[in-house]
Amino acid sequence: MDPFIHLQFLRKFLLVLPGVTEGISHGNTPAFYVQKKFLARLWETGDVLVVRTDERDKWISTDPEVFFFTDHYRDYPTVLVNLELVEPAMLEQLLIEAWKGRASKTLLKQYQ
């Protein structure tokens, strides 16, 4: 799938969450932040999403072909998502949980 399609999906879903903004990470890759705190970013290839989460093992156990990490991310609270294989509903669930983990109490109240 075209990386632009992935980015459009992410924008449509994430930018409606309270406090989420789009920016750039690692020089030139699209990224999303919650009150300036990192939430997610696309890899340069556009087919993998890096998501900030403390629940990496939970996600990997659901489907290790879709959710994974590389040695580079071993010591970071992140999970990588294969955007070519992930079901949209699963991605939405991950992103909402990740957002809740980064959002302030005020933003959480706005979401409810």
PDB file of N, CA and C in Angstrom:
ATOM      1  N   MET A   1       0.850  -1.186   0.000  1.00  0.00           N
ATOM      2  CA  MET A   1       0.000   0.000   0.000  1.00  0.00           C
ATOM      3  C   MET A   1       0.892   1.244   0.000  1.00  0.00           C
ATOM      4  N   ASP A   2       0.417   2.261  -0.579  1.00  0.00           N
ATOM      5  CA  ASP A   2       1.124   3.538  -0.663  1.00  0.00           C
ATOM      6  C   ASP A   2       1.317   4.133   0.742  1.00  0.00           C
ATOM      7  N   PRO A   3       2.561   4.540   1.095  1.00  0.00           N
ATOM      8  CA  PRO A   3       2.789   5.150   2.413  1.00  0.00           C
ATOM      9  C   PRO A   3       1.915   6.367   2.667  1.00  0.00           C
ATOM     10  N   PHE A   4       1.542   7.083   1.604  1.00  0.00           N
ATOM     11  CA  PHE A   4       0.673   8.245   1.761  1.00  0.00           C
ATOM     12  C   PHE A   4      -0.693   7.829   2.316  1.00  0.00           C
ATOM     13  N   ILE A   5      -1.174   6.660   1.921  1.00  0.00           N
ATOM     14  CA  ILE A   5      -2.459   6.153   2.434  1.00  0.00           C
ATOM     15  C   ILE A   5      -2.339   5.902   3.934  1.00  0.00           C
ATOM     16  N   HIS A   6      -1.228   5.316   4.363  1.00  0.00           N
ATOM     17  CA  HIS A   6      -1.013   5.094   5.802  1.00  0.00           C
ATOM     18  C   HIS A   6      -1.017   6.420   6.550  1.00  0.00           C
ATOM     19  N   LEU A   7      -0.324   7.398   6.008  1.00  0.00           N
ATOM     20  CA  LEU A   7      -0.234   8.701   6.659  1.00  0.00           C
ATOM     21  C   LEU A   7      -1.611   9.360   6.734  1.00  0.00           C
ATOM     22  N   GLN A   8      -2.397   9.263   5.686  1.00  0.00           N
ATOM     23  CA  GLN A   8      -3.740   9.835   5.693  1.00  0.00           C
ATOM     24  C   GLN A   8      -4.607   9.182   6.765  1.00  0.00           C
ATOM     25  N   PHE A   9      -4.517   7.845   6.884  1.00  0.00           N
ATOM     26  CA  PHE A   9      -5.266   7.130   7.919  1.00  0.00           C
ATOM     27  C   PHE A   9      -4.851   7.632   9.297  1.00  0.00           C
ATOM     28  N   LEU A  10      -3.547   7.733   9.532  1.00  0.00           N
ATOM     29  CA  LEU A  10      -3.048   8.176  10.831  1.00  0.00           C
ATOM     30  C   LEU A  10      -3.507   9.597  11.143  1.00  0.00           C
ATOM     31  N   ARG A  11      -3.423  10.466  10.161  1.00  0.00           N
ATOM     32  CA  ARG A  11      -3.870  11.846  10.373  1.00  0.00           C
ATOM     33  C   ARG A  11      -5.355  11.893  10.725  1.00  0.00           C
ATOM     34  N   LYS A  12      -6.147  11.181   9.958  1.00  0.00           N
ATOM     35  CA  LYS A  12      -7.600  11.181  10.177  1.00  0.00           C
ATOM     36  C   LYS A  12      -7.940  10.672  11.570  1.00  0.00           C
ATOM     37  N   PHE A  13      -7.223   9.666  12.021  1.00  0.00           N
ATOM     38  CA  PHE A  13      -7.530   9.062  13.308  1.00  0.00           C
ATOM     39  C   PHE A  13      -6.916   9.830  14.478  1.00  0.00           C
ATOM     40  N   LEU A  14      -5.647  10.190  14.371  1.00  0.00           N
ATOM     41  CA  LEU A  14      -4.943  10.767  15.510  1.00  0.00           C
ATOM     42  C   LEU A  14      -5.225  12.246  15.740  1.00  0.00           C
ATOM     43  N   LEU A  15      -5.365  13.006  14.688  1.00  0.00           N
ATOM     44  CA  LEU A  15      -5.481  14.454  14.868  1.00  0.00           C
ATOM     45  C   LEU A  15      -6.799  14.896  15.484  1.00  0.00           C
ATOM     46  N   VAL A  16      -7.749  13.982  15.619  1.00  0.00           N
ATOM     47  CA  VAL A  16      -8.999  14.322  16.311  1.00  0.00           C
ATOM     48  C   VAL A  16      -8.899  14.068  17.813  1.00  0.00           C
ATOM     49  N   LEU A  17      -7.848  13.373  18.249  1.00  0.00           N
ATOM     50  CA  LEU A  17      -7.665  13.127  19.681  1.00  0.00           C
ATOM     51  C   LEU A  17      -7.159  14.414  20.340  1.00  0.00           C
ATOM     52  N   PRO A  18      -7.677  14.745  21.510  1.00  0.00           N
ATOM     53  CA  PRO A  18      -7.275  15.981  22.179  1.00  0.00           C
ATOM     54  C   PRO A  18      -5.759  16.063  22.387  1.00  0.00           C
ATOM     55  N   GLY A  19      -5.186  17.212  22.051  1.00  0.00           N
ATOM     56  CA  GLY A  19      -3.777  17.467  22.299  1.00  0.00           C
ATOM     57  C   GLY A  19      -2.802  16.905  21.296  1.00  0.00           C
ATOM     58  N   VAL A  20      -3.282  16.192  20.276  1.00  0.00           N
ATOM     59  CA  VAL A  20      -2.379  15.572  19.294  1.00  0.00           C
ATOM     60  C   VAL A  20      -2.036  16.573  18.201  1.00  0.00           C
ATOM     61  N   THR A  21      -0.745  16.634  17.898  1.00  0.00           N
ATOM     62  CA  THR A  21      -0.253  17.471  16.811  1.00  0.00           C
ATOM     63  C   THR A  21       0.652  16.629  15.923  1.00  0.00           C
ATOM     64  N   GLU A  22       0.806  17.085  14.694  1.00  0.00           N
ATOM     65  CA  GLU A  22       1.705  16.414  13.767  1.00  0.00           C
ATOM     66  C   GLU A  22       2.982  17.224  13.649  1.00  0.00           C
ATOM     67  N   GLY A  23       4.082  16.515  13.517  1.00  0.00           N
ATOM     68  CA  GLY A  23       5.371  17.162  13.345  1.00  0.00           C
ATOM     69  C   GLY A  23       6.304  16.252  12.571  1.00  0.00           C
ATOM     70  N   ILE A  24       7.578  16.480  12.766  1.00  0.00           N
ATOM     71  CA  ILE A  24       8.614  15.706  12.084  1.00  0.00           C
ATOM     72  C   ILE A  24       9.505  15.068  13.140  1.00  0.00           C
ATOM     73  N   SER A  25       9.982  13.875  12.842  1.00  0.00           N
ATOM     74  CA  SER A  25      10.917  13.178  13.726  1.00  0.00           C
ATOM     75  C   SER A  25      12.043  12.609  12.876  1.00  0.00           C
ATOM     76  N   HIS A  26      13.186  12.469  13.468  1.00  0.00           N
ATOM     77  CA  HIS A  26      14.349  11.892  12.780  1.00  0.00           C
ATOM     78  C   HIS A  26      14.623  12.581  11.443  1.00  0.00           C
ATOM     79  N   GLY A  27      14.520  13.880  11.449  1.00  0.00           N
ATOM     80  CA  GLY A  27      14.874  14.660  10.274  1.00  0.00           C
ATOM     81  C   GLY A  27      13.778  14.893   9.268  1.00  0.00           C
ATOM     82  N   ASN A  28      13.056  13.827   8.912  1.00  0.00           N
ATOM     83  CA  ASN A  28      12.073  14.026   7.836  1.00  0.00           C
ATOM     84  C   ASN A  28      10.898  13.060   7.860  1.00  0.00           C
ATOM     85  N   THR A  29      10.692  12.333   8.944  1.00  0.00           N
ATOM     86  CA  THR A  29       9.568  11.401   8.951  1.00  0.00           C
ATOM     87  C   THR A  29       8.384  11.995   9.707  1.00  0.00           C
ATOM     88  N   PRO A  30       7.176  11.812   9.185  1.00  0.00           N
ATOM     89  CA  PRO A  30       5.983  12.309   9.875  1.00  0.00           C
ATOM     90  C   PRO A  30       5.843  11.665  11.250  1.00  0.00           C
ATOM     91  N   ALA A  31       5.511  12.485  12.226  1.00  0.00           N
ATOM     92  CA  ALA A  31       5.369  12.003  13.599  1.00  0.00           C
ATOM     93  C   ALA A  31       4.187  12.697  14.261  1.00  0.00           C
ATOM     94  N   PHE A  32       3.721  12.084  15.335  1.00  0.00           N
ATOM     95  CA  PHE A  32       2.591  12.618  16.085  1.00  0.00           C
ATOM     96  C   PHE A  32       2.980  12.724  17.551  1.00  0.00           C
ATOM     97  N   TYR A  33       2.496  13.789  18.180  1.00  0.00           N
ATOM     98  CA  TYR A  33       2.857  14.101  19.555  1.00  0.00           C
ATOM     99  C   TYR A  33       1.599  14.420  20.355  1.00  0.00           C
ATOM    100  N   VAL A  34       1.679  14.181  21.658  1.00  0.00           N
ATOM    101  CA  VAL A  34       0.624  14.598  22.588  1.00  0.00           C
ATOM    102  C   VAL A  34       1.284  15.599  23.527  1.00  0.00           C
ATOM    103  N   GLN A  35       0.870  16.847  23.441  1.00  0.00           N
ATOM    104  CA  GLN A  35       1.464  17.914  24.249  1.00  0.00           C
ATOM    105  C   GLN A  35       2.991  17.861  24.173  1.00  0.00           C
ATOM    106  N   LYS A  36       3.506  17.762  22.980  1.00  0.00           N
ATOM    107  CA  LYS A  36       4.939  17.742  22.680  1.00  0.00           C
ATOM    108  C   LYS A  36       5.651  16.459  23.119  1.00  0.00           C
ATOM    109  N   LYS A  37       4.901  15.472  23.616  1.00  0.00           N
ATOM    110  CA  LYS A  37       5.485  14.176  23.974  1.00  0.00           C
ATOM    111  C   LYS A  37       5.277  13.215  22.806  1.00  0.00           C
ATOM    112  N   PHE A  38       6.321  12.491  22.442  1.00  0.00           N
ATOM    113  CA  PHE A  38       6.274  11.573  21.313  1.00  0.00           C
ATOM    114  C   PHE A  38       5.167  10.534  21.488  1.00  0.00           C
ATOM    115  N   LEU A  39       4.412  10.311  20.414  1.00  0.00           N
ATOM    116  CA  LEU A  39       3.362   9.291  20.399  1.00  0.00           C
ATOM    117  C   LEU A  39       3.646   8.234  19.334  1.00  0.00           C
ATOM    118  N   ALA A  40       3.890   8.664  18.105  1.00  0.00           N
ATOM    119  CA  ALA A  40       4.110   7.701  17.013  1.00  0.00           C
ATOM    120  C   ALA A  40       4.817   8.397  15.852  1.00  0.00           C
ATOM    121  N   ARG A  41       5.508   7.590  15.046  1.00  0.00           N
ATOM    122  CA  ARG A  41       6.132   8.118  13.833  1.00  0.00           C
ATOM    123  C   ARG A  41       6.244   7.018  12.795  1.00  0.00           C
ATOM    124  N   LEU A  42       6.213   7.423  11.551  1.00  0.00           N
ATOM    125  CA  LEU A  42       6.416   6.486  10.454  1.00  0.00           C
ATOM    126  C   LEU A  42       7.900   6.261  10.237  1.00  0.00           C
ATOM    127  N   TRP A  43       8.249   5.059   9.837  1.00  0.00           N
ATOM    128  CA  TRP A  43       9.610   4.812   9.363  1.00  0.00           C
ATOM    129  C   TRP A  43       9.773   5.522   8.026  1.00  0.00           C
ATOM    130  N   GLU A  44      11.005   5.705   7.633  1.00  0.00           N
ATOM    131  CA  GLU A  44      11.295   6.353   6.359  1.00  0.00           C
ATOM    132  C   GLU A  44      10.637   5.626   5.188  1.00  0.00           C
ATOM    133  N   THR A  45      10.500   4.313   5.292  1.00  0.00           N
ATOM    134  CA  THR A  45       9.881   3.518   4.234  1.00  0.00           C
ATOM    135  C   THR A  45       8.368   3.703   4.175  1.00  0.00           C
ATOM    136  N   GLY A  46       7.772   4.183   5.276  1.00  0.00           N
ATOM    137  CA  GLY A  46       6.343   4.436   5.313  1.00  0.00           C
ATOM    138  C   GLY A  46       5.477   3.220   5.571  1.00  0.00           C
ATOM    139  N   ASP A  47       6.081   2.045   5.751  1.00  0.00           N
ATOM    140  CA  ASP A  47       5.282   0.833   5.958  1.00  0.00           C
ATOM    141  C   ASP A  47       5.339   0.301   7.387  1.00  0.00           C
ATOM    142  N   VAL A  48       6.075   0.990   8.257  1.00  0.00           N
ATOM    143  CA  VAL A  48       6.172   0.604   9.664  1.00  0.00           C
ATOM    144  C   VAL A  48       5.915   1.839  10.514  1.00  0.00           C
ATOM    145  N   LEU A  49       5.140   1.644  11.571  1.00  0.00           N
ATOM    146  CA  LEU A  49       4.835   2.718  12.508  1.00  0.00           C
ATOM    147  C   LEU A  49       5.493   2.400  13.843  1.00  0.00           C
ATOM    148  N   VAL A  50       6.188   3.368  14.408  1.00  0.00           N
ATOM    149  CA  VAL A  50       6.774   3.258  15.741  1.00  0.00           C
ATOM    150  C   VAL A  50       5.774   3.889  16.697  1.00  0.00           C
ATOM    151  N   VAL A  51       5.346   3.132  17.709  1.00  0.00           N
ATOM    152  CA  VAL A  51       4.347   3.645  18.658  1.00  0.00           C
ATOM    153  C   VAL A  51       4.906   3.564  20.076  1.00  0.00           C
ATOM    154  N   ARG A  52       4.796   4.663  20.805  1.00  0.00           N
ATOM    155  CA  ARG A  52       5.247   4.722  22.190  1.00  0.00           C
ATOM    156  C   ARG A  52       4.200   4.007  23.052  1.00  0.00           C
ATOM    157  N   THR A  53       4.620   2.906  23.705  1.00  0.00           N
ATOM    158  CA  THR A  53       3.723   2.167  24.581  1.00  0.00           C
ATOM    159  C   THR A  53       4.515   1.390  25.623  1.00  0.00           C
ATOM    160  N   ASP A  54       3.954   1.280  26.808  1.00  0.00           N
ATOM    161  CA  ASP A  54       4.549   0.442  27.850  1.00  0.00           C
ATOM    162  C   ASP A  54       4.036  -0.991  27.755  1.00  0.00           C
ATOM    163  N   GLU A  55       3.186  -1.264  26.779  1.00  0.00           N
ATOM    164  CA  GLU A  55       2.539  -2.574  26.644  1.00  0.00           C
ATOM    165  C   GLU A  55       3.076  -3.363  25.443  1.00  0.00           C
ATOM    166  N   ARG A  56       4.341  -3.214  25.123  1.00  0.00           N
ATOM    167  CA  ARG A  56       4.902  -3.862  23.942  1.00  0.00           C
ATOM    168  C   ARG A  56       4.663  -5.372  23.938  1.00  0.00           C
ATOM    169  N   ASP A  57       4.952  -6.034  25.060  1.00  0.00           N
ATOM    170  CA  ASP A  57       4.805  -7.495  25.097  1.00  0.00           C
ATOM    171  C   ASP A  57       3.367  -7.934  24.835  1.00  0.00           C
ATOM    172  N   LYS A  58       2.425  -7.181  25.353  1.00  0.00           N
ATOM    173  CA  LYS A  58       1.012  -7.492  25.128  1.00  0.00           C
ATOM    174  C   LYS A  58       0.706  -7.474  23.633  1.00  0.00           C
ATOM    175  N   TRP A  59       1.162  -6.442  22.941  1.00  0.00           N
ATOM    176  CA  TRP A  59       0.865  -6.315  21.519  1.00  0.00           C
ATOM    177  C   TRP A  59       1.572  -7.378  20.700  1.00  0.00           C
ATOM    178  N   ILE A  60       2.823  -7.635  21.018  1.00  0.00           N
ATOM    179  CA  ILE A  60       3.569  -8.661  20.272  1.00  0.00           C
ATOM    180  C   ILE A  60       2.916 -10.026  20.444  1.00  0.00           C
ATOM    181  N   SER A  61       2.418 -10.304  21.637  1.00  0.00           N
ATOM    182  CA  SER A  61       1.786 -11.614  21.869  1.00  0.00           C
ATOM    183  C   SER A  61       0.492 -11.777  21.073  1.00  0.00           C
ATOM    184  N   THR A  62      -0.158 -10.671  20.678  1.00  0.00           N
ATOM    185  CA  THR A  62      -1.387 -10.802  19.899  1.00  0.00           C
ATOM    186  C   THR A  62      -1.105 -11.233  18.466  1.00  0.00           C
ATOM    187  N   ASP A  63       0.013 -10.744  17.894  1.00  0.00           N
ATOM    188  CA  ASP A  63       0.382 -11.129  16.526  1.00  0.00           C
ATOM    189  C   ASP A  63       1.803 -10.651  16.223  1.00  0.00           C
ATOM    190  N   PRO A  64       2.797 -11.536  16.400  1.00  0.00           N
ATOM    191  CA  PRO A  64       4.196 -11.130  16.233  1.00  0.00           C
ATOM    192  C   PRO A  64       4.591 -10.766  14.795  1.00  0.00           C
ATOM    193  N   GLU A  65       3.761 -11.085  13.822  1.00  0.00           N
ATOM    194  CA  GLU A  65       4.056 -10.648  12.459  1.00  0.00           C
ATOM    195  C   GLU A  65       3.663  -9.190  12.260  1.00  0.00           C
ATOM    196  N   VAL A  66       2.682  -8.746  13.015  1.00  0.00           N
ATOM    197  CA  VAL A  66       2.179  -7.375  12.903  1.00  0.00           C
ATOM    198  C   VAL A  66       2.901  -6.460  13.892  1.00  0.00           C
ATOM    199  N   PHE A  67       3.048  -6.903  15.131  1.00  0.00           N
ATOM    200  CA  PHE A  67       3.657  -6.110  16.199  1.00  0.00           C
ATOM    201  C   PHE A  67       4.998  -6.728  16.554  1.00  0.00           C
ATOM    202  N   PHE A  68       6.051  -5.920  16.543  1.00  0.00           N
ATOM    203  CA  PHE A  68       7.396  -6.445  16.759  1.00  0.00           C
ATOM    204  C   PHE A  68       8.321  -5.324  17.212  1.00  0.00           C
ATOM    205  N   PHE A  69       9.595  -5.650  17.423  1.00  0.00           N
ATOM    206  CA  PHE A  69      10.612  -4.621  17.652  1.00  0.00           C
ATOM    207  C   PHE A  69      11.937  -5.144  17.131  1.00  0.00           C
ATOM    208  N   THR A  70      12.842  -4.223  16.900  1.00  0.00           N
ATOM    209  CA  THR A  70      14.185  -4.567  16.453  1.00  0.00           C
ATOM    210  C   THR A  70      15.153  -4.290  17.602  1.00  0.00           C
ATOM    211  N   ASP A  71      16.381  -4.730  17.447  1.00  0.00           N
ATOM    212  CA  ASP A  71      17.377  -4.494  18.493  1.00  0.00           C
ATOM    213  C   ASP A  71      17.509  -3.014  18.835  1.00  0.00           C
ATOM    214  N   HIS A  72      17.389  -2.172  17.844  1.00  0.00           N
ATOM    215  CA  HIS A  72      17.496  -0.729  18.082  1.00  0.00           C
ATOM    216  C   HIS A  72      16.472  -0.249  19.115  1.00  0.00           C
ATOM    217  N   TYR A  73      15.286  -0.831  19.114  1.00  0.00           N
ATOM    218  CA  TYR A  73      14.209  -0.399  20.008  1.00  0.00           C
ATOM    219  C   TYR A  73      14.112  -1.230  21.285  1.00  0.00           C
ATOM    220  N   ARG A  74      15.034  -2.158  21.486  1.00  0.00           N
ATOM    221  CA  ARG A  74      14.966  -3.079  22.628  1.00  0.00           C
ATOM    222  C   ARG A  74      14.788  -2.350  23.963  1.00  0.00           C
ATOM    223  N   ASP A  75      15.509  -1.256  24.172  1.00  0.00           N
ATOM    224  CA  ASP A  75      15.479  -0.560  25.461  1.00  0.00           C
ATOM    225  C   ASP A  75      14.544   0.642  25.491  1.00  0.00           C
ATOM    226  N   TYR A  76      13.675   0.728  24.502  1.00  0.00           N
ATOM    227  CA  TYR A  76      12.727   1.834  24.435  1.00  0.00           C
ATOM    228  C   TYR A  76      11.303   1.313  24.609  1.00  0.00           C
ATOM    229  N   PRO A  77      10.433   2.088  25.250  1.00  0.00           N
ATOM    230  CA  PRO A  77       9.038   1.664  25.421  1.00  0.00           C
ATOM    231  C   PRO A  77       8.240   1.892  24.133  1.00  0.00           C
ATOM    232  N   THR A  78       8.562   1.108  23.124  1.00  0.00           N
ATOM    233  CA  THR A  78       7.894   1.242  21.832  1.00  0.00           C
ATOM    234  C   THR A  78       7.591  -0.122  21.245  1.00  0.00           C
ATOM    235  N   VAL A  79       6.637  -0.126  20.331  1.00  0.00           N
ATOM    236  CA  VAL A  79       6.358  -1.307  19.525  1.00  0.00           C
ATOM    237  C   VAL A  79       6.317  -0.841  18.070  1.00  0.00           C
ATOM    238  N   LEU A  80       6.775  -1.704  17.189  1.00  0.00           N
ATOM    239  CA  LEU A  80       6.724  -1.424  15.759  1.00  0.00           C
ATOM    240  C   LEU A  80       5.508  -2.126  15.183  1.00  0.00           C
ATOM    241  N   VAL A  81       4.858  -1.478  14.227  1.00  0.00           N
ATOM    242  CA  VAL A  81       3.634  -2.008  13.632  1.00  0.00           C
ATOM    243  C   VAL A  81       3.825  -2.120  12.129  1.00  0.00           C
ATOM    244  N   ASN A  82       3.630  -3.326  11.609  1.00  0.00           N
ATOM    245  CA  ASN A  82       3.670  -3.546  10.162  1.00  0.00           C
ATOM    246  C   ASN A  82       2.345  -3.056   9.595  1.00  0.00           C
ATOM    247  N   LEU A  83       2.381  -1.904   8.952  1.00  0.00           N
ATOM    248  CA  LEU A  83       1.145  -1.291   8.464  1.00  0.00           C
ATOM    249  C   LEU A  83       0.525  -2.043   7.292  1.00  0.00           C
ATOM    250  N   GLU A  84       1.304  -2.883   6.651  1.00  0.00           N
ATOM    251  CA  GLU A  84       0.762  -3.689   5.543  1.00  0.00           C
ATOM    252  C   GLU A  84      -0.120  -4.828   6.058  1.00  0.00           C
ATOM    253  N   LEU A  85       0.097  -5.247   7.306  1.00  0.00           N
ATOM    254  CA  LEU A  85      -0.610  -6.415   7.846  1.00  0.00           C
ATOM    255  C   LEU A  85      -1.622  -6.101   8.944  1.00  0.00           C
ATOM    256  N   VAL A  86      -1.497  -4.959   9.590  1.00  0.00           N
ATOM    257  CA  VAL A  86      -2.346  -4.672  10.748  1.00  0.00           C
ATOM    258  C   VAL A  86      -3.793  -4.411  10.321  1.00  0.00           C
ATOM    259  N   GLU A  87      -4.706  -4.932  11.115  1.00  0.00           N
ATOM    260  CA  GLU A  87      -6.126  -4.642  10.930  1.00  0.00           C
ATOM    261  C   GLU A  87      -6.391  -3.235  11.453  1.00  0.00           C
ATOM    262  N   PRO A  88      -7.136  -2.418  10.733  1.00  0.00           N
ATOM    263  CA  PRO A  88      -7.393  -1.048  11.188  1.00  0.00           C
ATOM    264  C   PRO A  88      -7.934  -0.964  12.613  1.00  0.00           C
ATOM    265  N   ALA A  89      -8.814  -1.853  12.994  1.00  0.00           N
ATOM    266  CA  ALA A  89      -9.385  -1.816  14.350  1.00  0.00           C
ATOM    267  C   ALA A  89      -8.308  -2.057  15.413  1.00  0.00           C
ATOM    268  N   MET A  90      -7.373  -2.952  15.128  1.00  0.00           N
ATOM    269  CA  MET A  90      -6.281  -3.212  16.070  1.00  0.00           C
ATOM    270  C   MET A  90      -5.366  -1.999  16.179  1.00  0.00           C
ATOM    271  N   LEU A  91      -5.084  -1.375  15.042  1.00  0.00           N
ATOM    272  CA  LEU A  91      -4.239  -0.187  15.046  1.00  0.00           C
ATOM    273  C   LEU A  91      -4.911   0.938  15.829  1.00  0.00           C
ATOM    274  N   GLU A  92      -6.197   1.118  15.628  1.00  0.00           N
ATOM    275  CA  GLU A  92      -6.927   2.144  16.373  1.00  0.00           C
ATOM    276  C   GLU A  92      -6.867   1.872  17.868  1.00  0.00           C
ATOM    277  N   GLN A  93      -7.046   0.621  18.264  1.00  0.00           N
ATOM    278  CA  GLN A  93      -6.992   0.268  19.687  1.00  0.00           C
ATOM    279  C   GLN A  93      -5.616   0.589  20.262  1.00  0.00           C
ATOM    280  N   LEU A  94      -4.558   0.202  19.558  1.00  0.00           N
ATOM    281  CA  LEU A  94      -3.198   0.490  20.011  1.00  0.00           C
ATOM    282  C   LEU A  94      -2.981   1.995  20.145  1.00  0.00           C
ATOM    283  N   LEU A  95      -3.393   2.752  19.144  1.00  0.00           N
ATOM    284  CA  LEU A  95      -3.162   4.194  19.163  1.00  0.00           C
ATOM    285  C   LEU A  95      -3.936   4.888  20.285  1.00  0.00           C
ATOM    286  N   ILE A  96      -5.153   4.447  20.551  1.00  0.00           N
ATOM    287  CA  ILE A  96      -5.919   5.038  21.655  1.00  0.00           C
ATOM    288  C   ILE A  96      -5.254   4.718  22.989  1.00  0.00           C
ATOM    289  N   GLU A  97      -4.839   3.465  23.169  1.00  0.00           N
ATOM    290  CA  GLU A  97      -4.160   3.100  24.411  1.00  0.00           C
ATOM    291  C   GLU A  97      -2.852   3.874  24.563  1.00  0.00           C
ATOM    292  N   ALA A  98      -2.107   4.017  23.465  1.00  0.00           N
ATOM    293  CA  ALA A  98      -0.849   4.768  23.506  1.00  0.00           C
ATOM    294  C   ALA A  98      -1.128   6.228  23.841  1.00  0.00           C
ATOM    295  N   TRP A  99      -2.155   6.808  23.227  1.00  0.00           N
ATOM    296  CA  TRP A  99      -2.525   8.189  23.508  1.00  0.00           C
ATOM    297  C   TRP A  99      -2.898   8.353  24.986  1.00  0.00           C
ATOM    298  N   LYS A 100      -3.696   7.440  25.514  1.00  0.00           N
ATOM    299  CA  LYS A 100      -4.097   7.515  26.919  1.00  0.00           C
ATOM    300  C   LYS A 100      -2.896   7.462  27.846  1.00  0.00           C
ATOM    301  N   GLY A 101      -1.863   6.727  27.441  1.00  0.00           N
ATOM    302  CA  GLY A 101      -0.655   6.631  28.245  1.00  0.00           C
ATOM    303  C   GLY A 101       0.189   7.895  28.238  1.00  0.00           C
ATOM    304  N   ARG A 102      -0.043   8.782  27.281  1.00  0.00           N
ATOM    305  CA  ARG A 102       0.739  10.019  27.151  1.00  0.00           C
ATOM    306  C   ARG A 102      -0.058  11.268  27.511  1.00  0.00           C
ATOM    307  N   ALA A 103      -1.373  11.183  27.456  1.00  0.00           N
ATOM    308  CA  ALA A 103      -2.225  12.358  27.647  1.00  0.00           C
ATOM    309  C   ALA A 103      -2.322  12.757  29.119  1.00  0.00           C
ATOM    310  N   SER A 104      -2.497  14.046  29.330  1.00  0.00           N
ATOM    311  CA  SER A 104      -2.701  14.560  30.687  1.00  0.00           C
ATOM    312  C   SER A 104      -4.118  14.224  31.156  1.00  0.00           C
ATOM    313  N   LYS A 105      -4.355  14.405  32.442  1.00  0.00           N
ATOM    314  CA  LYS A 105      -5.697  14.154  32.987  1.00  0.00           C
ATOM    315  C   LYS A 105      -6.729  15.059  32.328  1.00  0.00           C
ATOM    316  N   THR A 106      -6.338  16.286  32.045  1.00  0.00           N
ATOM    317  CA  THR A 106      -7.248  17.237  31.391  1.00  0.00           C
ATOM    318  C   THR A 106      -7.647  16.731  30.015  1.00  0.00           C
ATOM    319  N   LEU A 107      -6.661  16.250  29.247  1.00  0.00           N
ATOM    320  CA  LEU A 107      -6.969  15.727  27.911  1.00  0.00           C
ATOM    321  C   LEU A 107      -7.817  14.468  27.999  1.00  0.00           C
ATOM    322  N   LEU A 108      -7.523  13.610  28.957  1.00  0.00           N
ATOM    323  CA  LEU A 108      -8.320  12.399  29.122  1.00  0.00           C
ATOM    324  C   LEU A 108      -9.781  12.736  29.389  1.00  0.00           C
ATOM    325  N   LYS A 109     -10.035  13.761  30.179  1.00  0.00           N
ATOM    326  CA  LYS A 109     -11.408  14.185  30.456  1.00  0.00           C
ATOM    327  C   LYS A 109     -12.085  14.691  29.177  1.00  0.00           C
ATOM    328  N   GLN A 110     -11.333  15.373  28.333  1.00  0.00           N
ATOM    329  CA  GLN A 110     -11.893  15.867  27.063  1.00  0.00           C
ATOM    330  C   GLN A 110     -12.285  14.735  26.149  1.00  0.00           C
ATOM    331  N   TYR A 111     -11.593  13.612  26.243  1.00  0.00           N
ATOM    332  CA  TYR A 111     -11.857  12.464  25.374  1.00  0.00           C
ATOM    333  C   TYR A 111     -13.118  11.735  25.788  1.00  0.00           C
ATOM    334  N   GLN A 112     -13.385  11.665  27.069  1.00  0.00           N
ATOM    335  CA  GLN A 112     -14.533  10.914  27.573  1.00  0.00           C
ATOM    336  C   GLN A 112     -15.767  11.552  27.143  1.00  0.00           C
TER     337      GLN A 112
END
